[in-house]
PDB file of all heavy atoms in Angstrom:
ATOM      1  N   ALA A   1       0.767  -1.242   0.000  1.00  0.00           N
ATOM      2  CA  ALA A   1      -0.022   0.003   0.005  1.00  0.00           C
ATOM      3  C   ALA A   1       0.833   1.274  -0.010  1.00  0.00           C
ATOM      4  O   ALA A   1       0.476   2.266  -0.663  1.00  0.00           O
ATOM      5  CB  ALA A   1      -0.952  -0.013   1.203  1.00  0.00           C
ATOM      6  N   SER A   2       1.939   1.306   0.739  1.00  0.00           N
ATOM      7  CA  SER A   2       2.755   2.520   0.862  1.00  0.00           C
ATOM      8  C   SER A   2       4.218   2.216   0.570  1.00  0.00           C
ATOM      9  O   SER A   2       4.772   1.249   1.083  1.00  0.00           O
ATOM     10  CB  SER A   2       2.615   3.082   2.274  1.00  0.00           C
ATOM     11  OG  SER A   2       3.544   4.125   2.501  1.00  0.00           O
ATOM     12  N   GLN A   3       4.817   3.032  -0.284  1.00  0.00           N
ATOM     13  CA  GLN A   3       6.256   2.889  -0.585  1.00  0.00           C
ATOM     14  C   GLN A   3       7.024   4.068   0.044  1.00  0.00           C
ATOM     15  O   GLN A   3       6.629   5.205  -0.132  1.00  0.00           O
ATOM     16  CB  GLN A   3       6.469   2.864  -2.078  1.00  0.00           C
ATOM     17  CG  GLN A   3       5.770   1.703  -2.803  1.00  0.00           C
ATOM     18  CD  GLN A   3       5.886   1.804  -4.309  1.00  0.00           C
ATOM     19  OE1 GLN A   3       6.558   2.670  -4.856  1.00  0.00           O
ATOM     20  NE2 GLN A   3       5.191   0.887  -5.012  1.00  0.00           N
ATOM     21  N   ILE A   4       8.073   3.706   0.781  1.00  0.00           N
ATOM     22  CA  ILE A   4       8.927   4.727   1.402  1.00  0.00           C
ATOM     23  C   ILE A   4      10.273   4.725   0.646  1.00  0.00           C
ATOM     24  O   ILE A   4      10.985   3.739   0.689  1.00  0.00           O
ATOM     25  CB  ILE A   4       9.183   4.440   2.879  1.00  0.00           C
ATOM     26  CG1 ILE A   4       7.866   4.197   3.626  1.00  0.00           C
ATOM     27  CG2 ILE A   4       9.952   5.568   3.533  1.00  0.00           C
ATOM     28  CD1 ILE A   4       8.055   3.644   5.018  1.00  0.00           C
ATOM     29  N   VAL A   5      10.564   5.793  -0.021  1.00  0.00           N
ATOM     30  CA  VAL A   5      11.764   5.869  -0.822  1.00  0.00           C
ATOM     31  C   VAL A   5      12.829   6.715  -0.118  1.00  0.00           C
ATOM     32  O   VAL A   5      12.566   7.872   0.306  1.00  0.00           O
ATOM     33  CB  VAL A   5      11.490   6.494  -2.217  1.00  0.00           C
ATOM     34  CG1 VAL A   5      12.765   6.559  -3.051  1.00  0.00           C
ATOM     35  CG2 VAL A   5      10.427   5.658  -2.940  1.00  0.00           C
ATOM     36  N   VAL A   6      14.020   6.149   0.034  1.00  0.00           N
ATOM     37  CA  VAL A   6      15.167   6.822   0.630  1.00  0.00           C
ATOM     38  C   VAL A   6      16.240   6.949  -0.434  1.00  0.00           C
ATOM     39  O   VAL A   6      16.617   5.950  -1.049  1.00  0.00           O
ATOM     40  CB  VAL A   6      15.696   6.049   1.843  1.00  0.00           C
ATOM     41  CG1 VAL A   6      16.956   6.713   2.383  1.00  0.00           C
ATOM     42  CG2 VAL A   6      14.639   5.974   2.924  1.00  0.00           C
ATOM     43  N   SER A   7      16.748   8.150  -0.653  1.00  0.00           N
ATOM     44  CA  SER A   7      17.790   8.378  -1.651  1.00  0.00           C
ATOM     45  C   SER A   7      18.820   9.344  -1.094  1.00  0.00           C
ATOM     46  O   SER A   7      18.670   9.887  -0.011  1.00  0.00           O
ATOM     47  CB  SER A   7      17.178   8.954  -2.926  1.00  0.00           C
ATOM     48  OG  SER A   7      16.637  10.245  -2.667  1.00  0.00           O
ATOM     49  N   GLU A   8      19.897   9.552  -1.861  1.00  0.00           N
ATOM     50  CA  GLU A   8      20.920  10.532  -1.430  1.00  0.00           C
ATOM     51  C   GLU A   8      20.282  11.904  -1.203  1.00  0.00           C
ATOM     52  O   GLU A   8      20.620  12.611  -0.256  1.00  0.00           O
ATOM     53  CB  GLU A   8      22.015  10.640  -2.521  1.00  0.00           C
ATOM     54  CG  GLU A   8      22.765   9.326  -2.778  1.00  0.00           C
ATOM     55  CD  GLU A   8      23.731   8.952  -1.664  1.00  0.00           C
ATOM     56  OE1 GLU A   8      23.794   9.698  -0.692  1.00  0.00           O
ATOM     57  OE2 GLU A   8      24.392   7.943  -1.796  1.00  0.00           O
ATOM     58  N   LYS A   9      19.325  12.227  -2.043  1.00  0.00           N
ATOM     59  CA  LYS A   9      18.666  13.530  -1.958  1.00  0.00           C
ATOM     60  C   LYS A   9      17.846  13.628  -0.670  1.00  0.00           C
ATOM     61  O   LYS A   9      17.902  14.623   0.029  1.00  0.00           O
ATOM     62  CB  LYS A   9      17.779  13.763  -3.177  1.00  0.00           C
ATOM     63  CG  LYS A   9      17.104  15.132  -3.191  1.00  0.00           C
ATOM     64  CD  LYS A   9      16.261  15.322  -4.440  1.00  0.00           C
ATOM     65  CE  LYS A   9      15.564  16.662  -4.443  1.00  0.00           C
ATOM     66  NZ  LYS A   9      14.727  16.858  -5.652  1.00  0.00           N
ATOM     67  N   THR A  10      17.044  12.605  -0.387  1.00  0.00           N
ATOM     68  CA  THR A  10      16.195  12.676   0.804  1.00  0.00           C
ATOM     69  C   THR A  10      17.039  12.639   2.084  1.00  0.00           C
ATOM     70  O   THR A  10      16.674  13.276   3.074  1.00  0.00           O
ATOM     71  CB  THR A  10      15.179  11.507   0.843  1.00  0.00           C
ATOM     72  OG1 THR A  10      15.853  10.255   0.966  1.00  0.00           O
ATOM     73  CG2 THR A  10      14.313  11.485  -0.395  1.00  0.00           C
ATOM     74  N   ILE A  11      18.149  11.912   2.008  1.00  0.00           N
ATOM     75  CA  ILE A  11      19.044  11.859   3.171  1.00  0.00           C
ATOM     76  C   ILE A  11      19.641  13.258   3.485  1.00  0.00           C
ATOM     77  O   ILE A  11      19.699  13.685   4.623  1.00  0.00           O
ATOM     78  CB  ILE A  11      20.171  10.841   2.960  1.00  0.00           C
ATOM     79  CG1 ILE A  11      19.590   9.420   2.926  1.00  0.00           C
ATOM     80  CG2 ILE A  11      21.229  10.940   4.057  1.00  0.00           C
ATOM     81  CD1 ILE A  11      20.577   8.360   2.567  1.00  0.00           C
ATOM     82  N   ALA A  12      20.005  13.939   2.414  1.00  0.00           N
ATOM     83  CA  ALA A  12      20.562  15.281   2.562  1.00  0.00           C
ATOM     84  C   ALA A  12      19.534  16.220   3.216  1.00  0.00           C
ATOM     85  O   ALA A  12      19.906  17.178   3.920  1.00  0.00           O
ATOM     86  CB  ALA A  12      21.028  15.808   1.217  1.00  0.00           C
ATOM     87  N   GLU A  13      18.254  15.977   2.922  1.00  0.00           N
ATOM     88  CA  GLU A  13      17.187  16.834   3.441  1.00  0.00           C
ATOM     89  C   GLU A  13      16.553  16.240   4.712  1.00  0.00           C
ATOM     90  O   GLU A  13      15.560  16.790   5.191  1.00  0.00           O
ATOM     91  CB  GLU A  13      16.110  17.040   2.382  1.00  0.00           C
ATOM     92  CG  GLU A  13      16.615  17.720   1.103  1.00  0.00           C
ATOM     93  CD  GLU A  13      15.563  17.757  -0.005  1.00  0.00           C
ATOM     94  OE1 GLU A  13      14.525  17.108   0.184  1.00  0.00           O
ATOM     95  OE2 GLU A  13      15.806  18.420  -1.003  1.00  0.00           O
ATOM     96  N   ASP A  14      17.134  15.150   5.188  1.00  0.00           N
ATOM     97  CA  ASP A  14      16.593  14.444   6.373  1.00  0.00           C
ATOM     98  C   ASP A  14      15.098  14.192   6.239  1.00  0.00           C
ATOM     99  O   ASP A  14      14.297  14.506   7.116  1.00  0.00           O
ATOM    100  CB  ASP A  14      16.898  15.243   7.628  1.00  0.00           C
ATOM    101  CG  ASP A  14      16.784  14.371   8.899  1.00  0.00           C
ATOM    102  OD1 ASP A  14      17.009  13.158   8.761  1.00  0.00           O
ATOM    103  OD2 ASP A  14      16.472  14.904   9.962  1.00  0.00           O
ATOM    104  N   SER A  15      14.750  13.618   5.065  1.00  0.00           N
ATOM    105  CA  SER A  15      13.346  13.371   4.795  1.00  0.00           C
ATOM    106  C   SER A  15      13.195  12.023   4.087  1.00  0.00           C
ATOM    107  O   SER A  15      14.184  11.320   3.794  1.00  0.00           O
ATOM    108  CB  SER A  15      12.775  14.473   3.927  1.00  0.00           C
ATOM    109  OG  SER A  15      13.406  14.513   2.678  1.00  0.00           O
ATOM    110  N   VAL A  16      11.937  11.664   3.786  1.00  0.00           N
ATOM    111  CA  VAL A  16      11.653  10.455   2.968  1.00  0.00           C
ATOM    112  C   VAL A  16      10.545  10.825   1.996  1.00  0.00           C
ATOM    113  O   VAL A  16       9.775  11.791   2.219  1.00  0.00           O
ATOM    114  CB  VAL A  16      11.181   9.264   3.847  1.00  0.00           C
ATOM    115  CG1 VAL A  16      12.273   8.784   4.751  1.00  0.00           C
ATOM    116  CG2 VAL A  16       9.920   9.642   4.670  1.00  0.00           C
ATOM    117  N   GLU A  17      10.489  10.075   0.922  1.00  0.00           N
ATOM    118  CA  GLU A  17       9.389  10.241  -0.039  1.00  0.00           C
ATOM    119  C   GLU A  17       8.410   9.089   0.162  1.00  0.00           C
ATOM    120  O   GLU A  17       8.820   7.917   0.144  1.00  0.00           O
ATOM    121  CB  GLU A  17       9.875  10.224  -1.484  1.00  0.00           C
ATOM    122  CG  GLU A  17      10.634  11.477  -1.874  1.00  0.00           C
ATOM    123  CD  GLU A  17      11.055  11.489  -3.339  1.00  0.00           C
ATOM    124  OE1 GLU A  17      10.977  10.419  -3.979  1.00  0.00           O
ATOM    125  OE2 GLU A  17      11.470  12.555  -3.823  1.00  0.00           O
ATOM    126  N   VAL A  18       7.155   9.402   0.376  1.00  0.00           N
ATOM    127  CA  VAL A  18       6.116   8.395   0.620  1.00  0.00           C
ATOM    128  C   VAL A  18       5.159   8.398  -0.568  1.00  0.00           C
ATOM    129  O   VAL A  18       4.548   9.391  -0.875  1.00  0.00           O
ATOM    130  CB  VAL A  18       5.340   8.687   1.923  1.00  0.00           C
ATOM    131  CG1 VAL A  18       4.300   7.621   2.136  1.00  0.00           C
ATOM    132  CG2 VAL A  18       6.316   8.745   3.106  1.00  0.00           C
ATOM    133  N   LYS A  19       5.080   7.220  -1.208  1.00  0.00           N
ATOM    134  CA  LYS A  19       4.225   7.082  -2.374  1.00  0.00           C
ATOM    135  C   LYS A  19       3.047   6.186  -2.035  1.00  0.00           C
ATOM    136  O   LYS A  19       3.212   5.089  -1.528  1.00  0.00           O
ATOM    137  CB  LYS A  19       5.020   6.473  -3.540  1.00  0.00           C
ATOM    138  CG  LYS A  19       4.171   6.214  -4.798  1.00  0.00           C
ATOM    139  CD  LYS A  19       4.965   5.517  -5.869  1.00  0.00           C
ATOM    140  CE  LYS A  19       4.085   5.126  -7.055  1.00  0.00           C
ATOM    141  NZ  LYS A  19       4.852   4.398  -8.103  1.00  0.00           N
ATOM    142  N   ASP A  20       1.855   6.659  -2.362  1.00  0.00           N
ATOM    143  CA  ASP A  20       0.642   5.873  -2.205  1.00  0.00           C
ATOM    144  C   ASP A  20       0.522   4.986  -3.459  1.00  0.00           C
ATOM    145  O   ASP A  20       0.364   5.514  -4.561  1.00  0.00           O
ATOM    146  CB  ASP A  20      -0.579   6.784  -2.068  1.00  0.00           C
ATOM    147  CG  ASP A  20      -1.867   6.011  -1.784  1.00  0.00           C
ATOM    148  OD1 ASP A  20      -2.277   5.215  -2.651  1.00  0.00           O
ATOM    149  OD2 ASP A  20      -2.472   6.243  -0.723  1.00  0.00           O
ATOM    150  N   ARG A  21       0.574   3.660  -3.270  1.00  0.00           N
ATOM    151  CA  ARG A  21       0.558   2.792  -4.456  1.00  0.00           C
ATOM    152  C   ARG A  21      -0.731   2.910  -5.257  1.00  0.00           C
ATOM    153  O   ARG A  21      -0.734   2.804  -6.499  1.00  0.00           O
ATOM    154  CB  ARG A  21       0.690   1.324  -3.948  1.00  0.00           C
ATOM    155  CG  ARG A  21       0.590   0.272  -5.058  1.00  0.00           C
ATOM    156  CD  ARG A  21       1.698   0.399  -6.095  1.00  0.00           C
ATOM    157  NE  ARG A  21       1.514  -0.565  -7.175  1.00  0.00           N
ATOM    158  CZ  ARG A  21       0.830  -0.329  -8.305  1.00  0.00           C
ATOM    159  NH1 ARG A  21       0.256   0.844  -8.479  1.00  0.00           N
ATOM    160  NH2 ARG A  21       0.748  -1.255  -9.231  1.00  0.00           N
ATOM    161  N   LYS A  22      -1.851   3.143  -4.599  1.00  0.00           N
ATOM    162  CA  LYS A  22      -3.134   3.213  -5.290  1.00  0.00           C
ATOM    163  C   LYS A  22      -3.285   4.473  -6.131  1.00  0.00           C
ATOM    164  O   LYS A  22      -3.647   4.404  -7.301  1.00  0.00           O
ATOM    165  CB  LYS A  22      -4.317   3.136  -4.285  1.00  0.00           C
ATOM    166  CG  LYS A  22      -5.682   3.175  -4.939  1.00  0.00           C
ATOM    167  CD  LYS A  22      -6.765   3.080  -3.864  1.00  0.00           C
ATOM    168  CE  LYS A  22      -8.153   3.122  -4.529  1.00  0.00           C
ATOM    169  NZ  LYS A  22      -9.211   3.016  -3.487  1.00  0.00           N
ATOM    170  N   THR A  23      -2.965   5.622  -5.548  1.00  0.00           N
ATOM    171  CA  THR A  23      -3.158   6.898  -6.248  1.00  0.00           C
ATOM    172  C   THR A  23      -1.945   7.358  -7.011  1.00  0.00           C
ATOM    173  O   THR A  23      -2.020   8.161  -7.926  1.00  0.00           O
ATOM    174  CB  THR A  23      -3.552   7.985  -5.238  1.00  0.00           C
ATOM    175  OG1 THR A  23      -2.462   8.233  -4.342  1.00  0.00           O
ATOM    176  CG2 THR A  23      -4.780   7.601  -4.444  1.00  0.00           C
ATOM    177  N   GLY A  24      -0.741   6.828  -6.622  1.00  0.00           N
ATOM    178  CA  GLY A  24       0.501   7.265  -7.234  1.00  0.00           C
ATOM    179  C   GLY A  24       1.017   8.571  -6.659  1.00  0.00           C
ATOM    180  O   GLY A  24       2.042   9.081  -7.064  1.00  0.00           O
ATOM    181  N   LYS A  25       0.290   9.135  -5.712  1.00  0.00           N
ATOM    182  CA  LYS A  25       0.684  10.414  -5.138  1.00  0.00           C
ATOM    183  C   LYS A  25       1.948  10.274  -4.291  1.00  0.00           C
ATOM    184  O   LYS A  25       2.057   9.352  -3.475  1.00  0.00           O
ATOM    185  CB  LYS A  25      -0.476  10.962  -4.228  1.00  0.00           C
ATOM    186  CG  LYS A  25      -0.134  12.314  -3.590  1.00  0.00           C
ATOM    187  CD  LYS A  25      -1.290  12.775  -2.693  1.00  0.00           C
ATOM    188  CE  LYS A  25      -0.941  14.067  -2.014  1.00  0.00           C
ATOM    189  NZ  LYS A  25      -2.033  14.533  -1.103  1.00  0.00           N
ATOM    190  N   VAL A  26       2.899  11.169  -4.524  1.00  0.00           N
ATOM    191  CA  VAL A  26       4.208  11.148  -3.792  1.00  0.00           C
ATOM    192  C   VAL A  26       4.274  12.373  -2.902  1.00  0.00           C
ATOM    193  O   VAL A  26       4.053  13.505  -3.383  1.00  0.00           O
ATOM    194  CB  VAL A  26       5.379  11.096  -4.757  1.00  0.00           C
ATOM    195  CG1 VAL A  26       6.709  11.116  -3.959  1.00  0.00           C
ATOM    196  CG2 VAL A  26       5.317   9.870  -5.649  1.00  0.00           C
ATOM    197  N   GLU A  27       4.622  12.147  -1.653  1.00  0.00           N
ATOM    198  CA  GLU A  27       4.734  13.259  -0.695  1.00  0.00           C
ATOM    199  C   GLU A  27       6.074  13.184   0.010  1.00  0.00           C
ATOM    200  O   GLU A  27       6.462  12.119   0.505  1.00  0.00           O
ATOM    201  CB  GLU A  27       3.615  13.188   0.343  1.00  0.00           C
ATOM    202  CG  GLU A  27       3.590  14.331   1.330  1.00  0.00           C
ATOM    203  CD  GLU A  27       2.446  14.208   2.337  1.00  0.00           C
ATOM    204  OE1 GLU A  27       1.769  13.166   2.303  1.00  0.00           O
ATOM    205  OE2 GLU A  27       2.276  15.133   3.158  1.00  0.00           O
ATOM    206  N   LYS A  28       6.803  14.313   0.032  1.00  0.00           N
ATOM    207  CA  LYS A  28       8.043  14.366   0.764  1.00  0.00           C
ATOM    208  C   LYS A  28       7.789  14.824   2.188  1.00  0.00           C
ATOM    209  O   LYS A  28       7.169  15.851   2.394  1.00  0.00           O
ATOM    210  CB  LYS A  28       9.041  15.324   0.068  1.00  0.00           C
ATOM    211  CG  LYS A  28      10.455  15.275   0.691  1.00  0.00           C
ATOM    212  CD  LYS A  28      11.418  16.161  -0.116  1.00  0.00           C
ATOM    213  CE  LYS A  28      11.786  15.495  -1.435  1.00  0.00           C
ATOM    214  NZ  LYS A  28      12.835  16.238  -2.150  1.00  0.00           N
ATOM    215  N   ILE A  29       8.255  14.004   3.139  1.00  0.00           N
ATOM    216  CA  ILE A  29       7.958  14.288   4.546  1.00  0.00           C
ATOM    217  C   ILE A  29       9.284  14.244   5.319  1.00  0.00           C
ATOM    218  O   ILE A  29      10.105  13.349   5.111  1.00  0.00           O
ATOM    219  CB  ILE A  29       7.003  13.237   5.116  1.00  0.00           C
ATOM    220  CG1 ILE A  29       5.746  13.134   4.259  1.00  0.00           C
ATOM    221  CG2 ILE A  29       6.645  13.542   6.547  1.00  0.00           C
ATOM    222  CD1 ILE A  29       4.798  12.034   4.726  1.00  0.00           C
ATOM    223  N   LYS A  30       9.455  15.166   6.247  1.00  0.00           N
ATOM    224  CA  LYS A  30      10.606  15.170   7.130  1.00  0.00           C
ATOM    225  C   LYS A  30      10.594  13.850   7.932  1.00  0.00           C
ATOM    226  O   LYS A  30       9.552  13.373   8.365  1.00  0.00           O
ATOM    227  CB  LYS A  30      10.578  16.362   8.092  1.00  0.00           C
ATOM    228  CG  LYS A  30      10.873  17.697   7.424  1.00  0.00           C
ATOM    229  CD  LYS A  30      12.333  17.745   6.917  1.00  0.00           C
ATOM    230  CE  LYS A  30      12.664  19.098   6.328  1.00  0.00           C
ATOM    231  NZ  LYS A  30      14.059  19.142   5.830  1.00  0.00           N
ATOM    232  N   LEU A  31      11.759  13.285   8.100  1.00  0.00           N
ATOM    233  CA  LEU A  31      11.864  11.978   8.746  1.00  0.00           C
ATOM    234  C   LEU A  31      11.230  11.978  10.125  1.00  0.00           C
ATOM    235  O   LEU A  31      10.488  11.030  10.479  1.00  0.00           O
ATOM    236  CB  LEU A  31      13.340  11.554   8.855  1.00  0.00           C
ATOM    237  CG  LEU A  31      13.563  10.201   9.505  1.00  0.00           C
ATOM    238  CD1 LEU A  31      12.925   9.085   8.722  1.00  0.00           C
ATOM    239  CD2 LEU A  31      15.081   9.936   9.636  1.00  0.00           C
ATOM    240  N   LYS A  32      11.488  13.006  10.916  1.00  0.00           N
ATOM    241  CA  LYS A  32      10.915  13.080  12.263  1.00  0.00           C
ATOM    242  C   LYS A  32       9.414  13.070  12.247  1.00  0.00           C
ATOM    243  O   LYS A  32       8.752  12.381  13.047  1.00  0.00           O
ATOM    244  CB  LYS A  32      11.435  14.335  12.960  1.00  0.00           C
ATOM    245  CG  LYS A  32      11.032  14.462  14.423  1.00  0.00           C
ATOM    246  CD  LYS A  32      11.640  15.679  15.071  1.00  0.00           C
ATOM    247  CE  LYS A  32      11.202  15.819  16.535  1.00  0.00           C
ATOM    248  NZ  LYS A  32      11.784  17.020  17.195  1.00  0.00           N
ATOM    249  N   GLU A  33       8.840  13.823  11.288  1.00  0.00           N
ATOM    250  CA  GLU A  33       7.386  13.900  11.156  1.00  0.00           C
ATOM    251  C   GLU A  33       6.834  12.553  10.730  1.00  0.00           C
ATOM    252  O   GLU A  33       5.814  12.096  11.207  1.00  0.00           O
ATOM    253  CB  GLU A  33       7.008  14.980  10.160  1.00  0.00           C
ATOM    254  CG  GLU A  33       5.501  15.142   9.955  1.00  0.00           C
ATOM    255  CD  GLU A  33       5.157  16.183   8.904  1.00  0.00           C
ATOM    256  OE1 GLU A  33       6.044  16.918   8.458  1.00  0.00           O
ATOM    257  OE2 GLU A  33       3.985  16.237   8.486  1.00  0.00           O
ATOM    258  N   PHE A  34       7.518  11.906   9.782  1.00  0.00           N
ATOM    259  CA  PHE A  34       7.050  10.607   9.273  1.00  0.00           C
ATOM    260  C   PHE A  34       7.031   9.575  10.386  1.00  0.00           C
ATOM    261  O   PHE A  34       6.051   8.830  10.547  1.00  0.00           O
ATOM    262  CB  PHE A  34       7.943  10.113   8.141  1.00  0.00           C
ATOM    263  CG  PHE A  34       7.693   8.730   7.715  1.00  0.00           C
ATOM    264  CD1 PHE A  34       6.570   8.403   6.973  1.00  0.00           C
ATOM    265  CD2 PHE A  34       8.556   7.702   8.065  1.00  0.00           C
ATOM    266  CE1 PHE A  34       6.312   7.086   6.577  1.00  0.00           C
ATOM    267  CE2 PHE A  34       8.333   6.398   7.672  1.00  0.00           C
ATOM    268  CZ  PHE A  34       7.180   6.103   6.945  1.00  0.00           C
ATOM    269  N   LEU A  35       8.104   9.536  11.191  1.00  0.00           N
ATOM    270  CA  LEU A  35       8.170   8.585  12.301  1.00  0.00           C
ATOM    271  C   LEU A  35       7.098   8.830  13.331  1.00  0.00           C
ATOM    272  O   LEU A  35       6.585   7.903  13.966  1.00  0.00           O
ATOM    273  CB  LEU A  35       9.572   8.618  12.919  1.00  0.00           C
ATOM    274  CG  LEU A  35      10.700   8.048  12.046  1.00  0.00           C
ATOM    275  CD1 LEU A  35      12.050   8.271  12.699  1.00  0.00           C
ATOM    276  CD2 LEU A  35      10.460   6.554  11.774  1.00  0.00           C
ATOM    277  N   SER A  36       6.757  10.093  13.551  1.00  0.00           N
ATOM    278  CA  SER A  36       5.706  10.392  14.521  1.00  0.00           C
ATOM    279  C   SER A  36       4.340   9.950  13.983  1.00  0.00           C
ATOM    280  O   SER A  36       3.447   9.560  14.750  1.00  0.00           O
ATOM    281  CB  SER A  36       5.664  11.893  14.850  1.00  0.00           C
ATOM    282  OG  SER A  36       5.272  12.666  13.711  1.00  0.00           O
ATOM    283  N   GLN A  37       4.166  10.016  12.647  1.00  0.00           N
ATOM    284  CA  GLN A  37       2.888   9.628  12.055  1.00  0.00           C
ATOM    285  C   GLN A  37       2.699   8.125  12.098  1.00  0.00           C
ATOM    286  O   GLN A  37       1.568   7.652  12.342  1.00  0.00           O
ATOM    287  CB  GLN A  37       2.815  10.093  10.586  1.00  0.00           C
ATOM    288  CG  GLN A  37       2.669  11.589  10.427  1.00  0.00           C
ATOM    289  CD  GLN A  37       2.681  12.033   8.977  1.00  0.00           C
ATOM    290  OE1 GLN A  37       2.805  11.195   8.077  1.00  0.00           O
ATOM    291  NE2 GLN A  37       2.532  13.328   8.746  1.00  0.00           N
TER     292      GLN A  37
END
């Protein structure tokens, strides 16, 4: 259902990209916020 993408770019921004498999929507979220969610 959910894909969490980690790359050199997201690491530099201390974030992750979260993709909804159903809708294809991609959201960049700060790692701290993602972990709290």
